[in-house]
Protein backbone atom coordinates (compact mmCIF):
# COMPACT_ATOMS: atom_id res chain seq x y z
CA MET A 1 66.60 -29.30 120.95
CA ASP A 2 67.10 -33.31 121.40
CA THR A 3 64.34 -34.95 119.52
CA THR A 4 65.43 -38.55 120.17
CA VAL A 5 63.26 -40.77 121.65
CA LYS A 6 63.93 -43.15 125.02
CA GLU A 7 63.26 -46.20 124.75
CA GLN A 8 61.72 -46.25 128.45
CA ASP A 9 59.26 -43.47 126.81
CA LEU A 10 57.86 -45.76 124.67
CA ILE A 11 56.97 -48.53 127.06
CA LYS A 12 53.51 -47.89 129.21
CA GLN A 13 53.78 -48.08 133.10
CA GLY A 14 51.44 -50.55 135.06
CA ALA A 15 51.31 -53.17 131.70
CA MET A 16 54.43 -54.84 132.31
CA GLN A 17 55.50 -57.48 134.89
CA SER A 18 58.54 -56.53 135.48
CA ASP A 19 61.14 -54.11 133.56
CA PHE A 20 62.21 -54.40 130.72
CA PHE A 21 65.27 -53.80 130.35
CA GLN A 22 66.01 -56.43 133.25
CA MET A 23 64.40 -59.02 131.33
CA SER A 24 66.07 -62.08 130.04
CA ASP A 25 66.03 -62.74 126.06
CA THR A 26 62.92 -64.83 126.88
CA GLU A 27 61.28 -63.07 128.98
CA LYS A 28 60.95 -60.20 126.39
CA ASN A 29 59.71 -62.92 123.41
CA ASN A 30 56.93 -64.02 125.62
CA TRP A 31 56.37 -60.29 125.95
CA ARG A 32 56.43 -59.77 122.99
CA ASN A 33 53.95 -62.61 122.08
CA THR A 34 51.03 -61.87 124.55
CA ILE A 35 51.37 -57.96 123.37
CA ALA A 36 50.82 -59.10 119.54
CA ALA A 37 47.94 -62.23 121.31
CA LYS A 38 45.84 -58.97 122.66
CA THR A 39 46.84 -56.68 119.63
CA ARG A 40 44.99 -58.92 117.48
CA ALA A 41 41.98 -59.79 120.03
CA VAL A 42 41.24 -56.10 120.74
CA LEU A 43 41.76 -55.19 116.74
CA PHE A 44 39.02 -58.58 116.06
CA ALA A 45 37.06 -57.27 119.47
CA LYS A 46 36.46 -53.48 117.85
CA GLY A 47 35.49 -54.96 114.14
CA GLN A 48 38.83 -53.95 113.25
CA PRO A 49 41.07 -55.45 110.94
CA LEU A 50 44.66 -56.20 111.95
CA VAL A 51 46.93 -54.70 109.11
CA TYR A 52 50.87 -55.86 108.71
CA GLU A 53 53.43 -57.11 105.37
CA LYS A 54 53.11 -60.28 105.01
CA GLU A 55 55.17 -61.22 101.96
CA GLY A 56 55.74 -58.49 100.30
CA SER A 57 52.31 -57.18 100.64
CA MET A 58 50.00 -55.50 102.96
CA VAL A 59 47.05 -57.75 104.00
CA ALA A 60 44.05 -56.98 106.71
CA GLU A 61 43.56 -59.92 108.46
CA TYR A 62 40.24 -60.17 109.85
CA ALA A 63 38.38 -62.41 112.69
CA ASP A 64 36.93 -64.52 110.72
CA GLY A 65 39.96 -65.56 108.79
CA THR A 66 40.06 -63.52 106.03
CA LEU A 67 42.98 -61.99 104.13
CA ILE A 68 42.96 -59.00 102.00
CA LYS A 69 45.58 -58.25 100.35
CA LEU A 70 45.92 -54.19 100.25
């Protein structure tokens, strides 16, 4: 049984302006930045922190800019 997930399966249909595999590197970077900003906005709107790795430690960033080391 093949358990490999194809990249095409990870990209949600309808959210992209153009085909990911046809984008230039500049377009991909702009798309990644847009996704990051949208993710941050959605989490903060729900009162949730954005959790990520910073300088080797996991941190939770809140809408007010507070960073808490986890």
